[in-house]
Amino acid sequence: MHTIAENVEVGMIVRIPLGLIKPNPNQPRQYFDSLSIDSLADSCLEKQDVHQPILVVKCDDENFVMIVDGERRWRAAGKAGLEKISCLIQPPMSEIDMFVMSAVTNFGREDMSPIEEAYAIKRIMDEKNLNQVEISALIGRGQAQISNMLKYLKLDREIQARVITRKLDKGAALQLATYHPKDQMTMLKILESEVQNRNGRKMHPNEASRFLRGVAEKKGVKAAPSKRGRELATHSDLTVRELLKNISLTQKSLREFNALTPTAIKQAQGVHFLDILQEMKGLTAYLETQIKRVEKMD
């Protein structure tokens, strides 16, 4: 029967039989992508070891160790059929300290979902009685980033599951989190329908935000109020602000255009001056229509 050598000490790297390594049931990551593990298993098989030692602590029963960081590598090694892998022995630690260490080493890794990160941050804050500033210092994340991550906890559980299994883009999910959970699935279905209409082209988070706010405005769906009591800007708010910003930029461009000589305009590469003329006439006609529309609002 395999056992761990009695002289194994903290700080040592030891090759330990996979059967003597236990996963931590309380670790922050609960979802492991099978394709990612398959790819990692090929690497383990080629090297006959994990690419980096996993972090472990001795269990009360010293014939076993428990994983602090590296369960994905441990799973991949098992899939590759390895008998032993390299482990770095860590000092004894409490359950919450193991959780913190596991969370911090996993934060930012591509294969850890923002939902798992958010729940990990919330648990650490609750168990260690930390505010956002203190958790920010502990895990090395900016306070604004912490605040953003915690928004994922406002999502409907079904939407959270979709983010974890990578069926929903995390940026779009963050936009959905601004609405009440009872409205989120309806908004999601409309968003997914729009993506299908675009032949599956993913939306940039900013684009998704504008689209969802437009939908919310038409359907009378209000965003959940923020803790600071400020209402979320509506689609109309964003559209008007964007228009004013673009008009300002257009005015600046026209002033610079006015300073060009006719020769310089004709010699501009990639654009014919007749195309410029046509676009300007089109813009003038559209502006005249909108000017009359706004004047009637007076």
C-alpha atoms as a PDB file:
ATOM      1  CA  MET A   1       0.000   0.000   0.000  1.00  0.00           C
ATOM      2  CA  HIS A   2       1.266   3.466  -0.922  1.00  0.00           C
ATOM      3  CA  THR A   3       2.050   5.838   1.947  1.00  0.00           C
ATOM      4  CA  ILE A   4       3.638   9.265   2.235  1.00  0.00           C
ATOM      5  CA  ALA A   5       7.164   9.232   3.575  1.00  0.00           C
ATOM      6  CA  GLU A   6       7.370  10.263   7.241  1.00  0.00           C
ATOM      7  CA  ASN A   7      10.212  12.705   6.571  1.00  0.00           C
ATOM      8  CA  VAL A   8       8.163  14.826   4.147  1.00  0.00           C
ATOM      9  CA  GLU A   9       8.391  18.418   5.381  1.00  0.00           C
ATOM     10  CA  VAL A  10       6.854  21.787   4.522  1.00  0.00           C
ATOM     11  CA  GLY A  11       8.481  23.324   1.455  1.00  0.00           C
ATOM     12  CA  MET A  12       9.511  20.001  -0.071  1.00  0.00           C
ATOM     13  CA  ILE A  13       8.440  18.940  -3.570  1.00  0.00           C
ATOM     14  CA  VAL A  14       7.474  15.279  -3.465  1.00  0.00           C
ATOM     15  CA  ARG A  15       5.997  12.926  -6.061  1.00  0.00           C
ATOM     16  CA  ILE A  16       2.869  11.547  -4.416  1.00  0.00           C
ATOM     17  CA  PRO A  17       0.570   8.758  -5.678  1.00  0.00           C
ATOM     18  CA  LEU A  18      -2.691  10.189  -7.070  1.00  0.00           C
ATOM     19  CA  GLY A  19      -4.690   7.906  -4.786  1.00  0.00           C
ATOM     20  CA  LEU A  20      -3.260   9.629  -1.723  1.00  0.00           C
ATOM     21  CA  ILE A  21      -4.269  13.106  -2.943  1.00  0.00           C
ATOM     22  CA  LYS A  22      -7.716  14.363  -1.943  1.00  0.00           C
ATOM     23  CA  PRO A  23      -9.520  17.256  -3.645  1.00  0.00           C
ATOM     24  CA  ASN A  24     -10.772  20.012  -1.363  1.00  0.00           C
ATOM     25  CA  PRO A  25     -14.613  19.863  -1.348  1.00  0.00           C
ATOM     26  CA  ASN A  26     -14.735  23.497  -0.196  1.00  0.00           C
ATOM     27  CA  GLN A  27     -12.515  24.977  -2.856  1.00  0.00           C
ATOM     28  CA  PRO A  28     -13.846  27.972  -4.874  1.00  0.00           C
ATOM     29  CA  ARG A  29     -13.822  26.222  -8.249  1.00  0.00           C
ATOM     30  CA  GLN A  30     -16.604  23.709  -8.830  1.00  0.00           C
ATOM     31  CA  TYR A  31     -16.739  23.546 -12.638  1.00  0.00           C
ATOM     32  CA  PHE A  32     -13.930  22.043 -14.716  1.00  0.00           C
ATOM     33  CA  ASP A  33     -14.087  22.173 -18.505  1.00  0.00           C
ATOM     34  CA  SER A  34     -13.603  18.668 -19.903  1.00  0.00           C
ATOM     35  CA  LEU A  35     -11.919  19.837 -23.119  1.00  0.00           C
ATOM     36  CA  SER A  36      -9.418  21.880 -21.114  1.00  0.00           C
ATOM     37  CA  ILE A  37      -8.639  18.841 -18.933  1.00  0.00           C
ATOM     38  CA  ASP A  38      -8.221  16.639 -22.028  1.00  0.00           C
ATOM     39  CA  SER A  39      -5.691  19.083 -23.439  1.00  0.00           C
ATOM     40  CA  LEU A  40      -3.835  19.256 -20.132  1.00  0.00           C
ATOM     41  CA  ALA A  41      -3.879  15.450 -19.868  1.00  0.00           C
ATOM     42  CA  ASP A  42      -1.981  15.213 -23.170  1.00  0.00           C
ATOM     43  CA  SER A  43       0.674  17.532 -21.734  1.00  0.00           C
ATOM     44  CA  CYS A  44       0.888  15.463 -18.521  1.00  0.00           C
ATOM     45  CA  LEU A  45       1.249  12.250 -20.517  1.00  0.00           C
ATOM     46  CA  GLU A  46       4.069  13.710 -22.571  1.00  0.00           C
ATOM     47  CA  LYS A  47       5.930  14.971 -19.514  1.00  0.00           C
ATOM     48  CA  GLN A  48       4.867  12.095 -17.206  1.00  0.00           C
ATOM     49  CA  ASP A  49       4.124  14.736 -14.580  1.00  0.00           C
ATOM     50  CA  VAL A  50       2.156  17.954 -14.088  1.00  0.00           C
ATOM     51  CA  HIS A  51       3.719  21.055 -15.660  1.00  0.00           C
ATOM     52  CA  GLN A  52       3.872  22.723 -12.230  1.00  0.00           C
ATOM     53  CA  PRO A  53       3.706  21.066  -8.780  1.00  0.00           C
ATOM     54  CA  ILE A  54       0.298  21.254  -7.146  1.00  0.00           C
ATOM     55  CA  LEU A  55       0.027  22.786  -3.686  1.00  0.00           C
ATOM     56  CA  VAL A  56      -1.068  20.417  -0.904  1.00  0.00           C
ATOM     57  CA  VAL A  57      -1.303  20.201   2.882  1.00  0.00           C
ATOM     58  CA  LYS A  58      -1.072  17.066   5.019  1.00  0.00           C
ATOM     59  CA  CYS A  59      -4.431  15.759   6.215  1.00  0.00           C
ATOM     60  CA  ASP A  60      -5.060  14.747   9.831  1.00  0.00           C
ATOM     61  CA  ASP A  61      -4.546  11.224   8.549  1.00  0.00           C
ATOM     62  CA  GLU A  62      -0.968  11.794   7.411  1.00  0.00           C
ATOM     63  CA  ASN A  63      -1.219   9.068   4.781  1.00  0.00           C
ATOM     64  CA  PHE A  64      -3.133  11.591   2.664  1.00  0.00           C
ATOM     65  CA  VAL A  65      -2.716  15.164   1.460  1.00  0.00           C
ATOM     66  CA  MET A  66      -5.405  17.655   0.378  1.00  0.00           C
ATOM     67  CA  ILE A  67      -5.170  19.958  -2.619  1.00  0.00           C
ATOM     68  CA  VAL A  68      -4.891  23.673  -1.944  1.00  0.00           C
ATOM     69  CA  ASP A  69      -4.270  24.604  -5.581  1.00  0.00           C
ATOM     70  CA  GLY A  70      -4.062  22.335  -8.616  1.00  0.00           C
ATOM     71  CA  GLU A  71      -7.188  20.170  -8.794  1.00  0.00           C
ATOM     72  CA  ARG A  72      -7.385  20.624 -12.569  1.00  0.00           C
ATOM     73  CA  ARG A  73      -3.812  19.340 -12.939  1.00  0.00           C
ATOM     74  CA  TRP A  74      -4.615  16.429 -10.589  1.00  0.00           C
ATOM     75  CA  ARG A  75      -7.678  15.511 -12.662  1.00  0.00           C
ATOM     76  CA  ALA A  76      -5.692  15.744 -15.898  1.00  0.00           C
ATOM     77  CA  ALA A  77      -2.925  13.524 -14.477  1.00  0.00           C
ATOM     78  CA  GLY A  78      -5.528  10.922 -13.545  1.00  0.00           C
ATOM     79  CA  LYS A  79      -6.987  11.073 -17.041  1.00  0.00           C
ATOM     80  CA  ALA A  80      -3.493  10.605 -18.474  1.00  0.00           C
ATOM     81  CA  GLY A  81      -3.060   7.479 -16.352  1.00  0.00           C
ATOM     82  CA  LEU A  82      -0.154   8.766 -14.264  1.00  0.00           C
ATOM     83  CA  GLU A  83       0.531   7.078 -10.925  1.00  0.00           C
ATOM     84  CA  LYS A  84       2.344   9.949  -9.194  1.00  0.00           C
ATOM     85  CA  ILE A  85       2.628  13.726  -9.574  1.00  0.00           C
ATOM     86  CA  SER A  86       4.799  16.440  -8.037  1.00  0.00           C
ATOM     87  CA  CYS A  87       3.360  18.193  -4.985  1.00  0.00           C
ATOM     88  CA  LEU A  88       4.660  21.177  -3.022  1.00  0.00           C
ATOM     89  CA  ILE A  89       3.949  20.668   0.694  1.00  0.00           C
ATOM     90  CA  GLN A  90       2.345  23.721   2.351  1.00  0.00           C
ATOM     91  CA  PRO A  91       2.225  24.606   6.072  1.00  0.00           C
ATOM     92  CA  PRO A  92      -0.878  23.480   8.008  1.00  0.00           C
ATOM     93  CA  MET A  93      -3.733  25.980   7.629  1.00  0.00           C
ATOM     94  CA  SER A  94      -7.369  26.463   8.573  1.00  0.00           C
ATOM     95  CA  GLU A  95     -10.208  25.730   6.160  1.00  0.00           C
ATOM     96  CA  ILE A  96     -10.823  29.419   5.425  1.00  0.00           C
ATOM     97  CA  ASP A  97      -7.095  30.090   4.901  1.00  0.00           C
ATOM     98  CA  MET A  98      -6.974  27.164   2.468  1.00  0.00           C
ATOM     99  CA  PHE A  99      -9.972  28.665   0.705  1.00  0.00           C
ATOM    100  CA  VAL A 100      -8.334  32.108   0.492  1.00  0.00           C
ATOM    101  CA  MET A 101      -5.080  30.685  -0.853  1.00  0.00           C
ATOM    102  CA  SER A 102      -6.936  28.566  -3.416  1.00  0.00           C
ATOM    103  CA  ALA A 103      -9.057  31.516  -4.480  1.00  0.00           C
ATOM    104  CA  VAL A 104      -6.149  33.948  -4.819  1.00  0.00           C
ATOM    105  CA  THR A 105      -4.085  31.497  -6.893  1.00  0.00           C
ATOM    106  CA  ASN A 106      -7.074  30.880  -9.177  1.00  0.00           C
ATOM    107  CA  PHE A 107      -8.297  34.469  -9.582  1.00  0.00           C
ATOM    108  CA  GLY A 108      -7.652  35.758 -13.061  1.00  0.00           C
ATOM    109  CA  ARG A 109      -7.077  32.343 -14.586  1.00  0.00           C
ATOM    110  CA  GLU A 110      -8.946  32.005 -17.865  1.00  0.00           C
ATOM    111  CA  ASP A 111     -10.662  28.785 -16.846  1.00  0.00           C
ATOM    112  CA  MET A 112     -12.190  30.176 -13.626  1.00  0.00           C
ATOM    113  CA  SER A 113     -15.585  31.768 -14.181  1.00  0.00           C
ATOM    114  CA  PRO A 114     -16.452  35.221 -12.801  1.00  0.00           C
ATOM    115  CA  ILE A 115     -19.387  33.609 -10.961  1.00  0.00           C
ATOM    116  CA  GLU A 116     -17.022  31.362  -8.983  1.00  0.00           C
ATOM    117  CA  GLU A 117     -14.746  34.349  -8.350  1.00  0.00           C
ATOM    118  CA  ALA A 118     -17.687  36.410  -7.090  1.00  0.00           C
ATOM    119  CA  TYR A 119     -18.865  33.707  -4.674  1.00  0.00           C
ATOM    120  CA  ALA A 120     -15.301  33.237  -3.439  1.00  0.00           C
ATOM    121  CA  ILE A 121     -14.892  36.961  -2.795  1.00  0.00           C
ATOM    122  CA  LYS A 122     -18.230  37.096  -0.959  1.00  0.00           C
ATOM    123  CA  ARG A 123     -17.351  34.106   1.241  1.00  0.00           C
ATOM    124  CA  ILE A 124     -13.951  35.557   2.184  1.00  0.00           C
ATOM    125  CA  MET A 125     -15.561  38.918   2.994  1.00  0.00           C
ATOM    126  CA  ASP A 126     -18.205  37.247   5.170  1.00  0.00           C
ATOM    127  CA  GLU A 127     -15.935  34.822   7.026  1.00  0.00           C
ATOM    128  CA  LYS A 128     -13.127  37.299   7.618  1.00  0.00           C
ATOM    129  CA  ASN A 129     -15.508  40.236   8.160  1.00  0.00           C
ATOM    130  CA  LEU A 130     -13.828  42.373   5.474  1.00  0.00           C
ATOM    131  CA  ASN A 131     -15.151  45.327   3.508  1.00  0.00           C
ATOM    132  CA  GLN A 132     -14.390  45.916  -0.177  1.00  0.00           C
ATOM    133  CA  VAL A 133     -11.279  47.968   0.560  1.00  0.00           C
ATOM    134  CA  GLU A 134      -9.859  45.258   2.835  1.00  0.00           C
ATOM    135  CA  ILE A 135     -10.637  42.351   0.472  1.00  0.00           C
ATOM    136  CA  SER A 136      -9.094  44.394  -2.327  1.00  0.00           C
ATOM    137  CA  ALA A 137      -5.796  44.607  -0.420  1.00  0.00           C
ATOM    138  CA  LEU A 138      -5.930  40.916   0.548  1.00  0.00           C
ATOM    139  CA  ILE A 139      -6.379  39.480  -2.942  1.00  0.00           C
ATOM    140  CA  GLY A 140      -4.623  42.165  -4.962  1.00  0.00           C
ATOM    141  CA  ARG A 141      -7.616  43.453  -6.913  1.00  0.00           C
ATOM    142  CA  GLY A 142      -8.811  47.040  -7.303  1.00  0.00           C
ATOM    143  CA  GLN A 143     -11.885  48.055  -5.299  1.00  0.00           C
ATOM    144  CA  ALA A 144     -13.780  48.925  -8.494  1.00  0.00           C
ATOM    145  CA  GLN A 145     -13.013  45.458  -9.815  1.00  0.00           C
ATOM    146  CA  ILE A 146     -14.288  43.884  -6.586  1.00  0.00           C
ATOM    147  CA  SER A 147     -17.501  45.901  -6.806  1.00  0.00           C
ATOM    148  CA  ASN A 148     -17.955  44.819 -10.415  1.00  0.00           C
ATOM    149  CA  MET A 149     -17.363  41.152  -9.599  1.00  0.00           C
ATOM    150  CA  LEU A 150     -19.984  41.162  -6.844  1.00  0.00           C
ATOM    151  CA  LYS A 151     -22.610  42.263  -9.382  1.00  0.00           C
ATOM    152  CA  TYR A 152     -22.575  38.717 -10.792  1.00  0.00           C
ATOM    153  CA  LEU A 153     -24.227  37.555  -7.569  1.00  0.00           C
ATOM    154  CA  LYS A 154     -27.342  39.529  -8.573  1.00  0.00           C
ATOM    155  CA  LEU A 155     -27.891  37.237 -11.554  1.00  0.00           C
ATOM    156  CA  ASP A 156     -30.636  34.630 -11.761  1.00  0.00           C
ATOM    157  CA  ARG A 157     -29.167  31.208 -10.861  1.00  0.00           C
ATOM    158  CA  GLU A 158     -29.888  29.836 -14.347  1.00  0.00           C
ATOM    159  CA  ILE A 159     -27.955  32.703 -15.909  1.00  0.00           C
ATOM    160  CA  GLN A 160     -25.101  32.128 -13.458  1.00  0.00           C
ATOM    161  CA  ALA A 161     -24.982  28.484 -14.580  1.00  0.00           C
ATOM    162  CA  ARG A 162     -24.747  29.580 -18.208  1.00  0.00           C
ATOM    163  CA  VAL A 163     -21.793  31.823 -17.423  1.00  0.00           C
ATOM    164  CA  ILE A 164     -20.018  29.061 -15.467  1.00  0.00           C
ATOM    165  CA  THR A 165     -20.427  26.583 -18.343  1.00  0.00           C
ATOM    166  CA  ARG A 166     -19.407  29.269 -20.865  1.00  0.00           C
ATOM    167  CA  LYS A 167     -22.740  29.300 -22.654  1.00  0.00           C
ATOM    168  CA  LEU A 168     -23.088  33.025 -21.983  1.00  0.00           C
ATOM    169  CA  ASP A 169     -20.457  35.738 -22.364  1.00  0.00           C
ATOM    170  CA  LYS A 170     -19.478  37.226 -19.008  1.00  0.00           C
ATOM    171  CA  GLY A 171     -19.706  40.789 -20.382  1.00  0.00           C
ATOM    172  CA  ALA A 172     -23.313  40.317 -21.499  1.00  0.00           C
ATOM    173  CA  ALA A 173     -24.111  38.657 -18.169  1.00  0.00           C
ATOM    174  CA  LEU A 174     -22.779  41.671 -16.293  1.00  0.00           C
ATOM    175  CA  GLN A 175     -25.174  43.874 -18.258  1.00  0.00           C
ATOM    176  CA  LEU A 176     -28.089  41.567 -17.377  1.00  0.00           C
ATOM    177  CA  ALA A 177     -27.149  41.880 -13.692  1.00  0.00           C
ATOM    178  CA  THR A 178     -28.321  45.503 -13.740  1.00  0.00           C
ATOM    179  CA  TYR A 179     -31.936  44.312 -14.052  1.00  0.00           C
ATOM    180  CA  HIS A 180     -34.199  42.620 -11.509  1.00  0.00           C
ATOM    181  CA  PRO A 181     -33.785  38.796 -11.505  1.00  0.00           C
ATOM    182  CA  LYS A 182     -37.441  38.328 -12.559  1.00  0.00           C
ATOM    183  CA  ASP A 183     -36.730  40.236 -15.806  1.00  0.00           C
ATOM    184  CA  GLN A 184     -33.281  38.844 -16.569  1.00  0.00           C
ATOM    185  CA  MET A 185     -34.332  35.651 -18.400  1.00  0.00           C
ATOM    186  CA  THR A 186     -36.723  37.607 -20.630  1.00  0.00           C
ATOM    187  CA  MET A 187     -33.951  40.065 -21.474  1.00  0.00           C
ATOM    188  CA  LEU A 188     -31.524  37.212 -22.087  1.00  0.00           C
ATOM    189  CA  LYS A 189     -33.849  35.487 -24.563  1.00  0.00           C
ATOM    190  CA  ILE A 190     -34.249  38.726 -26.515  1.00  0.00           C
ATOM    191  CA  LEU A 191     -30.467  39.219 -26.506  1.00  0.00           C
ATOM    192  CA  GLU A 192     -29.857  35.646 -27.713  1.00  0.00           C
ATOM    193  CA  SER A 193     -32.439  36.117 -30.467  1.00  0.00           C
ATOM    194  CA  GLU A 194     -30.662  39.277 -31.607  1.00  0.00           C
ATOM    195  CA  VAL A 195     -27.311  37.447 -31.699  1.00  0.00           C
ATOM    196  CA  GLN A 196     -28.875  34.679 -33.819  1.00  0.00           C
ATOM    197  CA  ASN A 197     -30.222  37.310 -36.204  1.00  0.00           C
ATOM    198  CA  ARG A 198     -26.633  38.502 -36.590  1.00  0.00           C
ATOM    199  CA  ASN A 199     -25.512  35.002 -37.614  1.00  0.00           C
ATOM    200  CA  GLY A 200     -24.101  34.285 -34.172  1.00  0.00           C
ATOM    201  CA  ARG A 201     -21.789  37.318 -34.078  1.00  0.00           C
ATOM    202  CA  LYS A 202     -21.028  38.103 -30.439  1.00  0.00           C
ATOM    203  CA  MET A 203     -21.845  41.539 -29.139  1.00  0.00           C
ATOM    204  CA  HIS A 204     -19.286  43.723 -27.438  1.00  0.00           C
ATOM    205  CA  PRO A 205     -20.400  44.397 -23.815  1.00  0.00           C
ATOM    206  CA  ASN A 206     -20.965  48.090 -24.627  1.00  0.00           C
ATOM    207  CA  GLU A 207     -23.094  47.144 -27.619  1.00  0.00           C
ATOM    208  CA  ALA A 208     -25.011  44.596 -25.529  1.00  0.00           C
ATOM    209  CA  SER A 209     -25.577  47.262 -22.863  1.00  0.00           C
ATOM    210  CA  ARG A 210     -27.041  49.724 -25.356  1.00  0.00           C
ATOM    211  CA  PHE A 211     -29.199  47.017 -26.937  1.00  0.00           C
ATOM    212  CA  LEU A 212     -30.571  45.817 -23.595  1.00  0.00           C
ATOM    213  CA  ARG A 213     -31.337  49.338 -22.439  1.00  0.00           C
ATOM    214  CA  GLY A 214     -33.234  49.928 -25.672  1.00  0.00           C
ATOM    215  CA  VAL A 215     -35.247  46.745 -25.107  1.00  0.00           C
ATOM    216  CA  ALA A 216     -35.874  47.658 -21.464  1.00  0.00           C
ATOM    217  CA  GLU A 217     -37.143  51.091 -22.446  1.00  0.00           C
ATOM    218  CA  LYS A 218     -39.584  49.656 -25.008  1.00  0.00           C
ATOM    219  CA  LYS A 219     -40.871  47.017 -22.582  1.00  0.00           C
ATOM    220  CA  GLY A 220     -41.003  49.304 -19.567  1.00  0.00           C
ATOM    221  CA  VAL A 221     -38.447  47.201 -17.683  1.00  0.00           C
ATOM    222  CA  LYS A 222     -36.632  49.271 -15.080  1.00  0.00           C
ATOM    223  CA  ALA A 223     -33.093  48.575 -13.961  1.00  0.00           C
ATOM    224  CA  ALA A 224     -32.624  47.569 -10.357  1.00  0.00           C
ATOM    225  CA  PRO A 225     -31.657  50.672  -8.319  1.00  0.00           C
ATOM    226  CA  SER A 226     -28.042  50.868  -7.252  1.00  0.00           C
ATOM    227  CA  LYS A 227     -27.036  50.885  -3.585  1.00  0.00           C
ATOM    228  CA  ARG A 228     -26.097  54.530  -4.000  1.00  0.00           C
ATOM    229  CA  GLY A 229     -29.648  55.294  -5.056  1.00  0.00           C
ATOM    230  CA  ARG A 230     -28.682  56.387  -8.568  1.00  0.00           C
ATOM    231  CA  GLU A 231     -30.834  55.166 -11.437  1.00  0.00           C
ATOM    232  CA  LEU A 232     -29.172  53.466 -14.395  1.00  0.00           C
ATOM    233  CA  ALA A 233     -29.005  55.635 -17.523  1.00  0.00           C
ATOM    234  CA  THR A 234     -31.714  54.674 -20.017  1.00  0.00           C
ATOM    235  CA  HIS A 235     -31.247  53.972 -23.728  1.00  0.00           C
ATOM    236  CA  SER A 236     -32.603  57.479 -24.445  1.00  0.00           C
ATOM    237  CA  ASP A 237     -30.065  59.015 -22.033  1.00  0.00           C
ATOM    238  CA  LEU A 238     -27.191  57.230 -23.747  1.00  0.00           C
ATOM    239  CA  THR A 239     -28.434  58.026 -27.266  1.00  0.00           C
ATOM    240  CA  VAL A 240     -28.785  61.757 -26.594  1.00  0.00           C
ATOM    241  CA  ARG A 241     -25.384  61.925 -24.896  1.00  0.00           C
ATOM    242  CA  GLU A 242     -23.781  59.994 -27.758  1.00  0.00           C
ATOM    243  CA  LEU A 243     -25.396  62.330 -30.311  1.00  0.00           C
ATOM    244  CA  LEU A 244     -24.093  65.442 -28.576  1.00  0.00           C
ATOM    245  CA  LYS A 245     -20.610  63.940 -28.309  1.00  0.00           C
ATOM    246  CA  ASN A 246     -20.568  63.000 -32.009  1.00  0.00           C
ATOM    247  CA  ILE A 247     -21.900  66.402 -33.096  1.00  0.00           C
ATOM    248  CA  SER A 248     -19.053  68.005 -31.172  1.00  0.00           C
ATOM    249  CA  LEU A 249     -16.533  65.708 -32.888  1.00  0.00           C
ATOM    250  CA  THR A 250     -18.101  66.383 -36.300  1.00  0.00           C
ATOM    251  CA  GLN A 251     -17.880  70.141 -35.733  1.00  0.00           C
ATOM    252  CA  LYS A 252     -14.198  69.776 -34.870  1.00  0.00           C
ATOM    253  CA  SER A 253     -13.589  67.673 -37.998  1.00  0.00           C
ATOM    254  CA  LEU A 254     -15.408  70.213 -40.175  1.00  0.00           C
ATOM    255  CA  ARG A 255     -13.277  73.057 -38.788  1.00  0.00           C
ATOM    256  CA  GLU A 256     -10.148  71.096 -39.665  1.00  0.00           C
ATOM    257  CA  PHE A 257     -11.628  70.183 -43.062  1.00  0.00           C
ATOM    258  CA  ASN A 258     -12.343  73.854 -43.720  1.00  0.00           C
ATOM    259  CA  ALA A 259      -8.633  74.613 -43.343  1.00  0.00           C
ATOM    260  CA  LEU A 260      -7.715  72.198 -46.184  1.00  0.00           C
ATOM    261  CA  THR A 261      -7.112  73.522 -49.672  1.00  0.00           C
ATOM    262  CA  PRO A 262      -9.193  72.146 -52.580  1.00  0.00           C
ATOM    263  CA  THR A 263      -6.029  70.515 -53.936  1.00  0.00           C
ATOM    264  CA  ALA A 264      -5.380  68.713 -50.634  1.00  0.00           C
ATOM    265  CA  ILE A 265      -8.982  67.462 -50.552  1.00  0.00           C
ATOM    266  CA  LYS A 266      -8.777  66.097 -54.108  1.00  0.00           C
ATOM    267  CA  GLN A 267      -5.448  64.391 -53.368  1.00  0.00           C
ATOM    268  CA  ALA A 268      -6.694  62.632 -50.191  1.00  0.00           C
ATOM    269  CA  GLN A 269      -5.972  58.904 -50.549  1.00  0.00           C
ATOM    270  CA  GLY A 270      -8.800  56.356 -50.462  1.00  0.00           C
ATOM    271  CA  VAL A 271     -11.637  58.951 -50.633  1.00  0.00           C
ATOM    272  CA  HIS A 272     -12.960  60.763 -53.706  1.00  0.00           C
ATOM    273  CA  PHE A 273     -14.124  64.321 -53.149  1.00  0.00           C
ATOM    274  CA  LEU A 274     -17.470  63.500 -54.846  1.00  0.00           C
ATOM    275  CA  ASP A 275     -18.070  60.840 -52.169  1.00  0.00           C
ATOM    276  CA  ILE A 276     -17.458  63.490 -49.518  1.00  0.00           C
ATOM    277  CA  LEU A 277     -19.950  65.790 -51.239  1.00  0.00           C
ATOM    278  CA  GLN A 278     -22.605  63.060 -51.387  1.00  0.00           C
ATOM    279  CA  GLU A 279     -22.176  62.191 -47.684  1.00  0.00           C
ATOM    280  CA  MET A 280     -22.397  65.865 -46.695  1.00  0.00           C
ATOM    281  CA  LYS A 281     -25.612  66.351 -48.665  1.00  0.00           C
ATOM    282  CA  GLY A 282     -27.094  63.272 -47.026  1.00  0.00           C
ATOM    283  CA  LEU A 283     -26.086  64.539 -43.590  1.00  0.00           C
ATOM    284  CA  THR A 284     -27.559  67.989 -44.331  1.00  0.00           C
ATOM    285  CA  ALA A 285     -30.919  66.506 -45.338  1.00  0.00           C
ATOM    286  CA  TYR A 286     -31.038  64.318 -42.215  1.00  0.00           C
ATOM    287  CA  LEU A 287     -30.041  67.220 -39.954  1.00  0.00           C
ATOM    288  CA  GLU A 288     -32.761  69.437 -41.414  1.00  0.00           C
ATOM    289  CA  THR A 289     -35.378  66.779 -40.659  1.00  0.00           C
ATOM    290  CA  GLN A 290     -34.172  66.342 -37.067  1.00  0.00           C
ATOM    291  CA  ILE A 291     -33.884  70.095 -36.494  1.00  0.00           C
ATOM    292  CA  LYS A 292     -37.554  70.539 -37.462  1.00  0.00           C
ATOM    293  CA  ARG A 293     -38.480  67.594 -35.195  1.00  0.00           C
ATOM    294  CA  VAL A 294     -36.677  69.060 -32.170  1.00  0.00           C
ATOM    295  CA  GLU A 295     -38.044  72.561 -32.825  1.00  0.00           C
ATOM    296  CA  LYS A 296     -41.569  71.186 -32.514  1.00  0.00           C
ATOM    297  CA  MET A 297     -40.729  70.017 -29.006  1.00  0.00           C
ATOM    298  CA  ASP A 298     -40.324  73.617 -27.853  1.00  0.00           C
END
